[in-house]
Amino acid sequence: MAFTVRDFEDLLRILEEKPEWQQRMRQAILTRELLELPARFEQLVEMVKELVEAQRRTDARVEALAVQVAELVEAQQRTDARVDELAGIVQELVQISRDALRRLERLENWQQGETGRREGERYEREIVARAPALFYGGTGGGKGEPHVREQVGRWLTPLFRQGIDIDPQNDPLLADLIWWKGDRVMVVEVGLKLGVNDVRRAKARAQTLRQVGVDATPVVIGEEWGTPDTEATAQQEGVEWYVRGGLSMGFLEFRKLPDGYEAN
């Protein structure tokens, strides 16, 4: 018996009237894979939705991370600026510290120099005050004392009359101490620590008096020799000395002259 169109139409009508038959018809006609296809399609749609949602969350996180990175970059830039500023401040502080150290060093050097100068002046005053005891009598005094200036001025009169200017290095009026017994004159330079310049200055100032016929002897008096060469220089230059309680032969000979000694 042939299956006609009318029979097909009747089948469709019956299937519409009995939905449960539709499922049985599908199972009879379709394969298992085709029957499962709608469910799988729905699963796929759900997976796509989940992927889209995950992508949205990822995008949101990426955007949030981008914001954080931008904030970190800005914070780093601020930090770099502050580090640069701090480095500048540190450099200024270092320079200020160096300047302060240099000023402190200059101040300490000045204080040491000032202390040394004051000690030297004190020692010079003591030597001038003790001159009668050091030389065993005689007369004289330190630079600036009226009777010393008057006496030395008389000795230098021949040079003044010739219009000769005396260099300060060679001027006996600037000697620390002028002391004499009769016509023997000691031209003295005084210092806590004697140097070669003290030796040569004493010799030069005594030589100026020798130019005008005065029997002048250069002398240095001090607590110690400044360098090992200073004592040797004094001996070579014919400069007498009184150092650390020790004295040269010329100093000793002057001591032995009587207080009222007069030249022959």
C-alpha atoms as a PDB file:
ATOM      1  CA  MET A   1       0.000   0.000   0.000  1.00  0.00           C
ATOM      2  CA  ALA A   2       1.496   3.386  -1.047  1.00  0.00           C
ATOM      3  CA  PHE A   3       1.944   6.286   1.442  1.00  0.00           C
ATOM      4  CA  THR A   4       0.119   9.269  -0.047  1.00  0.00           C
ATOM      5  CA  VAL A   5       0.118  12.959   0.592  1.00  0.00           C
ATOM      6  CA  ARG A   6      -3.189  12.623   2.325  1.00  0.00           C
ATOM      7  CA  ASP A   7      -1.688  10.065   4.628  1.00  0.00           C
ATOM      8  CA  PHE A   8       1.208  12.544   5.398  1.00  0.00           C
ATOM      9  CA  GLU A   9      -1.255  15.311   6.142  1.00  0.00           C
ATOM     10  CA  ASP A  10      -3.140  13.001   8.477  1.00  0.00           C
ATOM     11  CA  LEU A  11       0.148  12.120  10.202  1.00  0.00           C
ATOM     12  CA  LEU A  12       1.017  15.734  10.782  1.00  0.00           C
ATOM     13  CA  ARG A  13      -2.434  16.411  12.188  1.00  0.00           C
ATOM     14  CA  ILE A  14      -2.132  13.468  14.569  1.00  0.00           C
ATOM     15  CA  LEU A  15       1.343  14.606  15.721  1.00  0.00           C
ATOM     16  CA  GLU A  16       0.025  18.094  16.396  1.00  0.00           C
ATOM     17  CA  GLU A  17      -2.812  16.621  18.429  1.00  0.00           C
ATOM     18  CA  LYS A  18      -0.518  14.284  20.372  1.00  0.00           C
ATOM     19  CA  PRO A  19       2.730  16.092  21.351  1.00  0.00           C
ATOM     20  CA  GLU A  20       4.050  13.015  23.069  1.00  0.00           C
ATOM     21  CA  TRP A  21       4.142  11.294  19.710  1.00  0.00           C
ATOM     22  CA  GLN A  22       6.354  14.054  18.382  1.00  0.00           C
ATOM     23  CA  GLN A  23       9.116  13.011  20.761  1.00  0.00           C
ATOM     24  CA  ARG A  24       8.728   9.355  19.751  1.00  0.00           C
ATOM     25  CA  MET A  25       8.755  10.403  16.087  1.00  0.00           C
ATOM     26  CA  ARG A  26      11.953  12.391  16.614  1.00  0.00           C
ATOM     27  CA  GLN A  27      13.593   9.448  18.351  1.00  0.00           C
ATOM     28  CA  ALA A  28      12.531   7.196  15.504  1.00  0.00           C
ATOM     29  CA  ILE A  29      13.679   9.508  12.747  1.00  0.00           C
ATOM     30  CA  LEU A  30      16.653  11.443  14.213  1.00  0.00           C
ATOM     31  CA  THR A  31      19.945  10.047  15.415  1.00  0.00           C
ATOM     32  CA  ARG A  32      21.019  10.420  18.997  1.00  0.00           C
ATOM     33  CA  GLU A  33      23.554  13.052  18.065  1.00  0.00           C
ATOM     34  CA  LEU A  34      20.937  15.159  16.316  1.00  0.00           C
ATOM     35  CA  LEU A  35      18.613  14.814  19.248  1.00  0.00           C
ATOM     36  CA  GLU A  36      21.305  15.994  21.606  1.00  0.00           C
ATOM     37  CA  LEU A  37      22.274  18.899  19.354  1.00  0.00           C
ATOM     38  CA  PRO A  38      19.872  21.483  20.858  1.00  0.00           C
ATOM     39  CA  ALA A  39      21.081  20.729  24.362  1.00  0.00           C
ATOM     40  CA  ARG A  40      24.655  20.986  23.212  1.00  0.00           C
ATOM     41  CA  PHE A  41      23.893  24.201  21.409  1.00  0.00           C
ATOM     42  CA  GLU A  42      22.437  25.625  24.599  1.00  0.00           C
ATOM     43  CA  GLN A  43      25.545  24.505  26.471  1.00  0.00           C
ATOM     44  CA  LEU A  44      27.677  26.193  23.847  1.00  0.00           C
ATOM     45  CA  VAL A  45      25.649  29.367  24.173  1.00  0.00           C
ATOM     46  CA  GLU A  46      26.122  29.257  27.930  1.00  0.00           C
ATOM     47  CA  MET A  47      29.848  28.717  27.479  1.00  0.00           C
ATOM     48  CA  VAL A  48      30.031  31.648  25.096  1.00  0.00           C
ATOM     49  CA  LYS A  49      28.113  33.769  27.595  1.00  0.00           C
ATOM     50  CA  GLU A  50      30.549  32.714  30.314  1.00  0.00           C
ATOM     51  CA  LEU A  51      33.510  33.506  28.070  1.00  0.00           C
ATOM     52  CA  VAL A  52      32.036  36.897  27.242  1.00  0.00           C
ATOM     53  CA  GLU A  53      31.475  37.565  30.926  1.00  0.00           C
ATOM     54  CA  ALA A  54      34.981  36.381  31.751  1.00  0.00           C
ATOM     55  CA  GLN A  55      36.344  38.639  29.022  1.00  0.00           C
ATOM     56  CA  ARG A  56      34.400  41.533  30.467  1.00  0.00           C
ATOM     57  CA  ARG A  57      35.842  40.826  33.896  1.00  0.00           C
ATOM     58  CA  THR A  58      39.309  40.508  32.357  1.00  0.00           C
ATOM     59  CA  ASP A  59      38.855  43.789  30.509  1.00  0.00           C
ATOM     60  CA  ALA A  60      37.728  45.421  33.740  1.00  0.00           C
ATOM     61  CA  ARG A  61      40.732  44.035  35.551  1.00  0.00           C
ATOM     62  CA  VAL A  62      43.022  45.148  32.750  1.00  0.00           C
ATOM     63  CA  GLU A  63      41.531  48.629  32.910  1.00  0.00           C
ATOM     64  CA  ALA A  64      41.915  48.643  36.686  1.00  0.00           C
ATOM     65  CA  LEU A  65      45.489  47.410  36.317  1.00  0.00           C
ATOM     66  CA  ALA A  66      46.165  50.088  33.708  1.00  0.00           C
ATOM     67  CA  VAL A  67      44.879  52.708  36.155  1.00  0.00           C
ATOM     68  CA  GLN A  68      47.077  51.277  38.888  1.00  0.00           C
ATOM     69  CA  VAL A  69      50.085  51.224  36.566  1.00  0.00           C
ATOM     70  CA  ALA A  70      49.409  54.834  35.598  1.00  0.00           C
ATOM     71  CA  GLU A  71      49.162  55.759  39.266  1.00  0.00           C
ATOM     72  CA  LEU A  72      52.390  53.882  39.978  1.00  0.00           C
ATOM     73  CA  VAL A  73      54.125  55.672  37.092  1.00  0.00           C
ATOM     74  CA  GLU A  74      52.913  59.020  38.397  1.00  0.00           C
ATOM     75  CA  ALA A  75      53.948  58.088  41.928  1.00  0.00           C
ATOM     76  CA  GLN A  76      57.366  57.030  40.616  1.00  0.00           C
ATOM     77  CA  GLN A  77      57.696  60.315  38.781  1.00  0.00           C
ATOM     78  CA  ARG A  78      56.867  62.174  41.976  1.00  0.00           C
ATOM     79  CA  THR A  79      59.338  60.003  43.844  1.00  0.00           C
ATOM     80  CA  ASP A  80      62.025  60.679  41.240  1.00  0.00           C
ATOM     81  CA  ALA A  81      61.328  64.396  41.505  1.00  0.00           C
ATOM     82  CA  ARG A  82      61.587  64.214  45.279  1.00  0.00           C
ATOM     83  CA  VAL A  83      64.763  62.145  45.054  1.00  0.00           C
ATOM     84  CA  ASP A  84      66.254  64.736  42.689  1.00  0.00           C
ATOM     85  CA  GLU A  85      65.175  67.498  45.050  1.00  0.00           C
ATOM     86  CA  LEU A  86      66.593  65.596  48.002  1.00  0.00           C
ATOM     87  CA  ALA A  87      69.833  64.994  46.110  1.00  0.00           C
ATOM     88  CA  GLY A  88      70.066  68.733  45.488  1.00  0.00           C
ATOM     89  CA  ILE A  89      69.450  69.447  49.154  1.00  0.00           C
ATOM     90  CA  VAL A  90      72.039  66.858  50.174  1.00  0.00           C
ATOM     91  CA  GLN A  91      74.532  68.414  47.760  1.00  0.00           C
ATOM     92  CA  GLU A  92      73.849  71.833  49.240  1.00  0.00           C
ATOM     93  CA  LEU A  93      74.271  70.423  52.743  1.00  0.00           C
ATOM     94  CA  VAL A  94      77.536  68.767  51.717  1.00  0.00           C
ATOM     95  CA  GLN A  95      78.777  72.071  50.295  1.00  0.00           C
ATOM     96  CA  ILE A  96      77.639  73.919  53.408  1.00  0.00           C
ATOM     97  CA  SER A  97      79.420  71.322  55.561  1.00  0.00           C
ATOM     98  CA  ARG A  98      82.579  71.685  53.501  1.00  0.00           C
ATOM     99  CA  ASP A  99      82.411  75.448  53.743  1.00  0.00           C
ATOM    100  CA  ALA A 100      81.789  75.197  57.481  1.00  0.00           C
ATOM    101  CA  LEU A 101      84.741  72.820  57.860  1.00  0.00           C
ATOM    102  CA  ARG A 102      86.975  75.166  55.884  1.00  0.00           C
ATOM    103  CA  ARG A 103      85.829  78.115  58.004  1.00  0.00           C
ATOM    104  CA  LEU A 104      86.349  76.047  61.143  1.00  0.00           C
ATOM    105  CA  GLU A 105      89.793  75.043  59.927  1.00  0.00           C
ATOM    106  CA  ARG A 106      90.650  78.668  59.178  1.00  0.00           C
ATOM    107  CA  LEU A 107      89.307  79.652  62.596  1.00  0.00           C
ATOM    108  CA  GLU A 108      91.342  76.924  64.285  1.00  0.00           C
ATOM    109  CA  ASN A 109      94.439  77.967  62.336  1.00  0.00           C
ATOM    110  CA  TRP A 110      93.791  81.575  63.266  1.00  0.00           C
ATOM    111  CA  GLN A 111      93.264  80.614  66.901  1.00  0.00           C
ATOM    112  CA  GLN A 112      96.430  78.550  66.863  1.00  0.00           C
ATOM    113  CA  GLY A 113      98.288  81.393  65.181  1.00  0.00           C
ATOM    114  CA  GLU A 114      96.811  83.901  67.605  1.00  0.00           C
ATOM    115  CA  THR A 115      97.662  81.657  70.543  1.00  0.00           C
ATOM    116  CA  GLY A 116     101.168  81.196  69.194  1.00  0.00           C
ATOM    117  CA  ARG A 117     101.530  84.936  68.654  1.00  0.00           C
ATOM    118  CA  ARG A 118     100.351  85.705  72.174  1.00  0.00           C
ATOM    119  CA  GLU A 119     102.613  83.045  73.643  1.00  0.00           C
ATOM    120  CA  GLY A 120     105.476  84.439  71.583  1.00  0.00           C
ATOM    121  CA  GLU A 121     104.759  87.969  72.782  1.00  0.00           C
ATOM    122  CA  ARG A 122     104.516  86.759  76.384  1.00  0.00           C
ATOM    123  CA  TYR A 123     107.811  84.912  76.038  1.00  0.00           C
ATOM    124  CA  GLU A 124     109.448  87.965  74.450  1.00  0.00           C
ATOM    125  CA  ARG A 125     108.275  90.183  77.323  1.00  0.00           C
ATOM    126  CA  GLU A 126     109.687  87.687  79.814  1.00  0.00           C
ATOM    127  CA  ILE A 127     113.054  87.606  78.052  1.00  0.00           C
ATOM    128  CA  VAL A 128     113.222  91.416  77.932  1.00  0.00           C
ATOM    129  CA  ALA A 129     112.314  91.587  81.633  1.00  0.00           C
ATOM    130  CA  ARG A 130     114.932  88.945  82.485  1.00  0.00           C
ATOM    131  CA  ALA A 131     117.672  90.440  80.289  1.00  0.00           C
ATOM    132  CA  PRO A 132     119.814  91.699  83.233  1.00  0.00           C
ATOM    133  CA  ALA A 133     119.809  88.166  84.683  1.00  0.00           C
ATOM    134  CA  LEU A 134     120.428  86.496  81.323  1.00  0.00           C
ATOM    135  CA  PHE A 135     123.359  88.752  80.415  1.00  0.00           C
ATOM    136  CA  TYR A 136     124.661  89.201  83.981  1.00  0.00           C
ATOM    137  CA  GLY A 137     124.220  92.942  84.041  1.00  0.00           C
ATOM    138  CA  GLY A 138     124.373  95.579  81.334  1.00  0.00           C
ATOM    139  CA  THR A 139     121.624  97.790  80.029  1.00  0.00           C
ATOM    140  CA  GLY A 140     119.207  97.983  77.125  1.00  0.00           C
ATOM    141  CA  GLY A 141     115.623  96.935  76.472  1.00  0.00           C
ATOM    142  CA  GLY A 142     113.002  95.872  74.007  1.00  0.00           C
ATOM    143  CA  LYS A 143     112.007  97.620  70.808  1.00  0.00           C
ATOM    144  CA  GLY A 144     109.961 100.701  71.416  1.00  0.00           C
ATOM    145  CA  GLU A 145     111.536 101.586  74.772  1.00  0.00           C
ATOM    146  CA  PRO A 146     112.507 105.278  74.633  1.00  0.00           C
ATOM    147  CA  HIS A 147     116.101 104.951  75.862  1.00  0.00           C
ATOM    148  CA  VAL A 148     116.713 102.058  73.436  1.00  0.00           C
ATOM    149  CA  ARG A 149     115.321 104.028  70.477  1.00  0.00           C
ATOM    150  CA  GLU A 150     117.444 107.011  71.507  1.00  0.00           C
ATOM    151  CA  GLN A 151     120.664 104.998  71.788  1.00  0.00           C
ATOM    152  CA  VAL A 152     120.147 103.044  68.551  1.00  0.00           C
ATOM    153  CA  GLY A 153     119.171 106.273  66.801  1.00  0.00           C
ATOM    154  CA  ARG A 154     122.492 107.832  67.793  1.00  0.00           C
ATOM    155  CA  TRP A 155     124.359 104.805  66.473  1.00  0.00           C
ATOM    156  CA  LEU A 156     122.485 105.006  63.155  1.00  0.00           C
ATOM    157  CA  THR A 157     122.945 108.763  62.727  1.00  0.00           C
ATOM    158  CA  PRO A 158     125.672 108.393  60.050  1.00  0.00           C
ATOM    159  CA  LEU A 159     123.236 106.386  57.870  1.00  0.00           C
ATOM    160  CA  PHE A 160     120.458 108.912  58.421  1.00  0.00           C
ATOM    161  CA  ARG A 161     122.790 111.739  57.385  1.00  0.00           C
ATOM    162  CA  GLN A 162     123.587 109.899  54.162  1.00  0.00           C
ATOM    163  CA  GLY A 163     119.852 109.520  53.439  1.00  0.00           C
ATOM    164  CA  ILE A 164     120.067 105.727  53.505  1.00  0.00           C
ATOM    165  CA  ASP A 165     116.764 103.950  54.046  1.00  0.00           C
ATOM    166  CA  ILE A 166     117.052 100.819  56.169  1.00  0.00           C
ATOM    167  CA  ASP A 167     115.018  97.791  55.161  1.00  0.00           C
ATOM    168  CA  PRO A 168     112.836  96.513  58.059  1.00  0.00           C
ATOM    169  CA  GLN A 169     114.556  93.127  57.835  1.00  0.00           C
ATOM    170  CA  ASN A 170     117.885  94.870  58.563  1.00  0.00           C
ATOM    171  CA  ASP A 171     116.668  97.578  60.991  1.00  0.00           C
ATOM    172  CA  PRO A 172     118.062  97.159  64.532  1.00  0.00           C
ATOM    173  CA  LEU A 173     115.293  99.453  65.803  1.00  0.00           C
ATOM    174  CA  LEU A 174     112.942  96.513  65.159  1.00  0.00           C
ATOM    175  CA  ALA A 175     115.060  93.946  67.012  1.00  0.00           C
ATOM    176  CA  ASP A 176     113.275  92.232  69.887  1.00  0.00           C
ATOM    177  CA  LEU A 177     116.025  93.188  72.325  1.00  0.00           C
ATOM    178  CA  ILE A 178     119.108  95.464  72.245  1.00  0.00           C
ATOM    179  CA  TRP A 179     121.498  94.958  75.145  1.00  0.00           C
ATOM    180  CA  TRP A 180     124.930  96.375  75.762  1.00  0.00           C
ATOM    181  CA  LYS A 181     127.862  96.495  78.136  1.00  0.00           C
ATOM    182  CA  GLY A 182     130.155  99.354  77.315  1.00  0.00           C
ATOM    183  CA  ASP A 183     130.700  99.283  73.548  1.00  0.00           C
ATOM    184  CA  ARG A 184     129.731  95.606  73.179  1.00  0.00           C
ATOM    185  CA  VAL A 185     126.172  95.342  71.824  1.00  0.00           C
ATOM    186  CA  MET A 186     123.952  92.269  71.518  1.00  0.00           C
ATOM    187  CA  VAL A 187     121.244  92.432  68.815  1.00  0.00           C
ATOM    188  CA  VAL A 188     118.706  89.816  69.852  1.00  0.00           C
ATOM    189  CA  GLU A 189     115.817  88.033  68.144  1.00  0.00           C
ATOM    190  CA  VAL A 190     113.496  86.127  70.497  1.00  0.00           C
ATOM    191  CA  GLY A 191     111.164  83.216  69.737  1.00  0.00           C
ATOM    192  CA  LEU A 192     109.652  80.214  71.450  1.00  0.00           C
ATOM    193  CA  LYS A 193     110.713  78.066  68.491  1.00  0.00           C
ATOM    194  CA  LEU A 194     113.650  79.584  66.640  1.00  0.00           C
ATOM    195  CA  GLY A 195     113.813  79.327  62.882  1.00  0.00           C
ATOM    196  CA  VAL A 196     116.410  80.058  60.231  1.00  0.00           C
ATOM    197  CA  ASN A 197     114.713  83.415  59.527  1.00  0.00           C
ATOM    198  CA  ASP A 198     115.247  84.481  63.155  1.00  0.00           C
ATOM    199  CA  VAL A 199     118.933  83.648  62.818  1.00  0.00           C
ATOM    200  CA  ARG A 200     119.364  85.561  59.561  1.00  0.00           C
ATOM    201  CA  ARG A 201     117.322  88.528  60.780  1.00  0.00           C
ATOM    202  CA  ALA A 202     119.504  88.860  63.900  1.00  0.00           C
ATOM    203  CA  LYS A 203     122.629  88.749  61.741  1.00  0.00           C
ATOM    204  CA  ALA A 204     121.280  91.342  59.275  1.00  0.00           C
ATOM    205  CA  ARG A 205     120.309  93.805  62.026  1.00  0.00           C
ATOM    206  CA  ALA A 206     123.627  93.432  63.809  1.00  0.00           C
ATOM    207  CA  GLN A 207     125.411  93.957  60.489  1.00  0.00           C
ATOM    208  CA  THR A 208     123.606  97.286  60.049  1.00  0.00           C
ATOM    209  CA  LEU A 209     125.145  98.515  63.326  1.00  0.00           C
ATOM    210  CA  ARG A 210     128.526  97.148  62.296  1.00  0.00           C
ATOM    211  CA  GLN A 211     128.329  99.354  59.179  1.00  0.00           C
ATOM    212  CA  VAL A 212     128.427 102.403  61.451  1.00  0.00           C
ATOM    213  CA  GLY A 213     131.254 101.082  63.644  1.00  0.00           C
ATOM    214  CA  VAL A 214     129.268  99.517  66.479  1.00  0.00           C
ATOM    215  CA  ASP A 215     130.680  96.279  67.922  1.00  0.00           C
ATOM    216  CA  ALA A 216     127.376  94.447  67.465  1.00  0.00           C
ATOM    217  CA  THR A 217     126.869  90.689  67.857  1.00  0.00           C
ATOM    218  CA  PRO A 218     123.772  88.865  66.569  1.00  0.00           C
ATOM    219  CA  VAL A 219     121.986  86.650  69.124  1.00  0.00           C
ATOM    220  CA  VAL A 220     118.912  84.411  69.190  1.00  0.00           C
ATOM    221  CA  ILE A 221     117.120  83.388  72.381  1.00  0.00           C
ATOM    222  CA  GLY A 222     114.406  80.738  72.482  1.00  0.00           C
ATOM    223  CA  GLU A 223     112.888  77.675  74.078  1.00  0.00           C
ATOM    224  CA  GLU A 224     113.901  75.340  71.243  1.00  0.00           C
ATOM    225  CA  TRP A 225     115.302  75.159  67.730  1.00  0.00           C
ATOM    226  CA  GLY A 226     112.569  75.025  65.120  1.00  0.00           C
ATOM    227  CA  THR A 227     114.463  72.607  62.858  1.00  0.00           C
ATOM    228  CA  PRO A 228     117.686  70.587  63.138  1.00  0.00           C
ATOM    229  CA  ASP A 229     119.252  72.933  60.568  1.00  0.00           C
ATOM    230  CA  THR A 230     118.600  76.083  62.589  1.00  0.00           C
ATOM    231  CA  GLU A 231     121.375  75.531  65.134  1.00  0.00           C
ATOM    232  CA  ALA A 232     123.833  74.622  62.363  1.00  0.00           C
ATOM    233  CA  THR A 233     122.844  77.794  60.487  1.00  0.00           C
ATOM    234  CA  ALA A 234     123.468  79.879  63.614  1.00  0.00           C
ATOM    235  CA  GLN A 235     126.935  78.414  63.953  1.00  0.00           C
ATOM    236  CA  GLN A 236     127.706  78.960  60.249  1.00  0.00           C
ATOM    237  CA  GLU A 237     126.444  82.568  60.317  1.00  0.00           C
ATOM    238  CA  GLY A 238     128.303  83.477  63.523  1.00  0.00           C
ATOM    239  CA  VAL A 239     125.103  84.041  65.492  1.00  0.00           C
ATOM    240  CA  GLU A 240     125.296  83.477  69.261  1.00  0.00           C
ATOM    241  CA  TRP A 241     122.446  81.732  71.065  1.00  0.00           C
ATOM    242  CA  TYR A 242     120.741  80.931  74.343  1.00  0.00           C
ATOM    243  CA  VAL A 243     118.362  77.981  73.873  1.00  0.00           C
ATOM    244  CA  ARG A 244     116.862  75.609  76.455  1.00  0.00           C
ATOM    245  CA  GLY A 245     119.279  76.915  79.041  1.00  0.00           C
ATOM    246  CA  GLY A 246     122.268  76.111  76.831  1.00  0.00           C
ATOM    247  CA  LEU A 247     124.382  78.903  75.424  1.00  0.00           C
ATOM    248  CA  SER A 248     127.088  79.547  72.876  1.00  0.00           C
ATOM    249  CA  MET A 249     130.653  80.567  73.686  1.00  0.00           C
ATOM    250  CA  GLY A 250     130.097  84.141  72.473  1.00  0.00           C
ATOM    251  CA  PHE A 251     127.047  84.474  74.747  1.00  0.00           C
ATOM    252  CA  LEU A 252     129.076  83.131  77.670  1.00  0.00           C
ATOM    253  CA  GLU A 253     131.939  85.579  76.975  1.00  0.00           C
ATOM    254  CA  PHE A 254     129.482  88.513  76.946  1.00  0.00           C
ATOM    255  CA  ARG A 255     128.142  87.341  80.300  1.00  0.00           C
ATOM    256  CA  LYS A 256     131.651  87.449  81.750  1.00  0.00           C
ATOM    257  CA  LEU A 257     132.075  91.117  80.886  1.00  0.00           C
ATOM    258  CA  PRO A 258     131.696  93.224  84.001  1.00  0.00           C
ATOM    259  CA  ASP A 259     128.505  95.246  84.335  1.00  0.00           C
ATOM    260  CA  GLY A 260     130.480  98.481  84.126  1.00  0.00           C
ATOM    261  CA  TYR A 261     132.620  97.282  81.245  1.00  0.00           C
ATOM    262  CA  GLU A 262     134.150 100.006  79.079  1.00  0.00           C
ATOM    263  CA  ALA A 263     136.093  99.477  75.859  1.00  0.00           C
ATOM    264  CA  ASN A 264     139.798 100.227  75.787  1.00  0.00           C
END
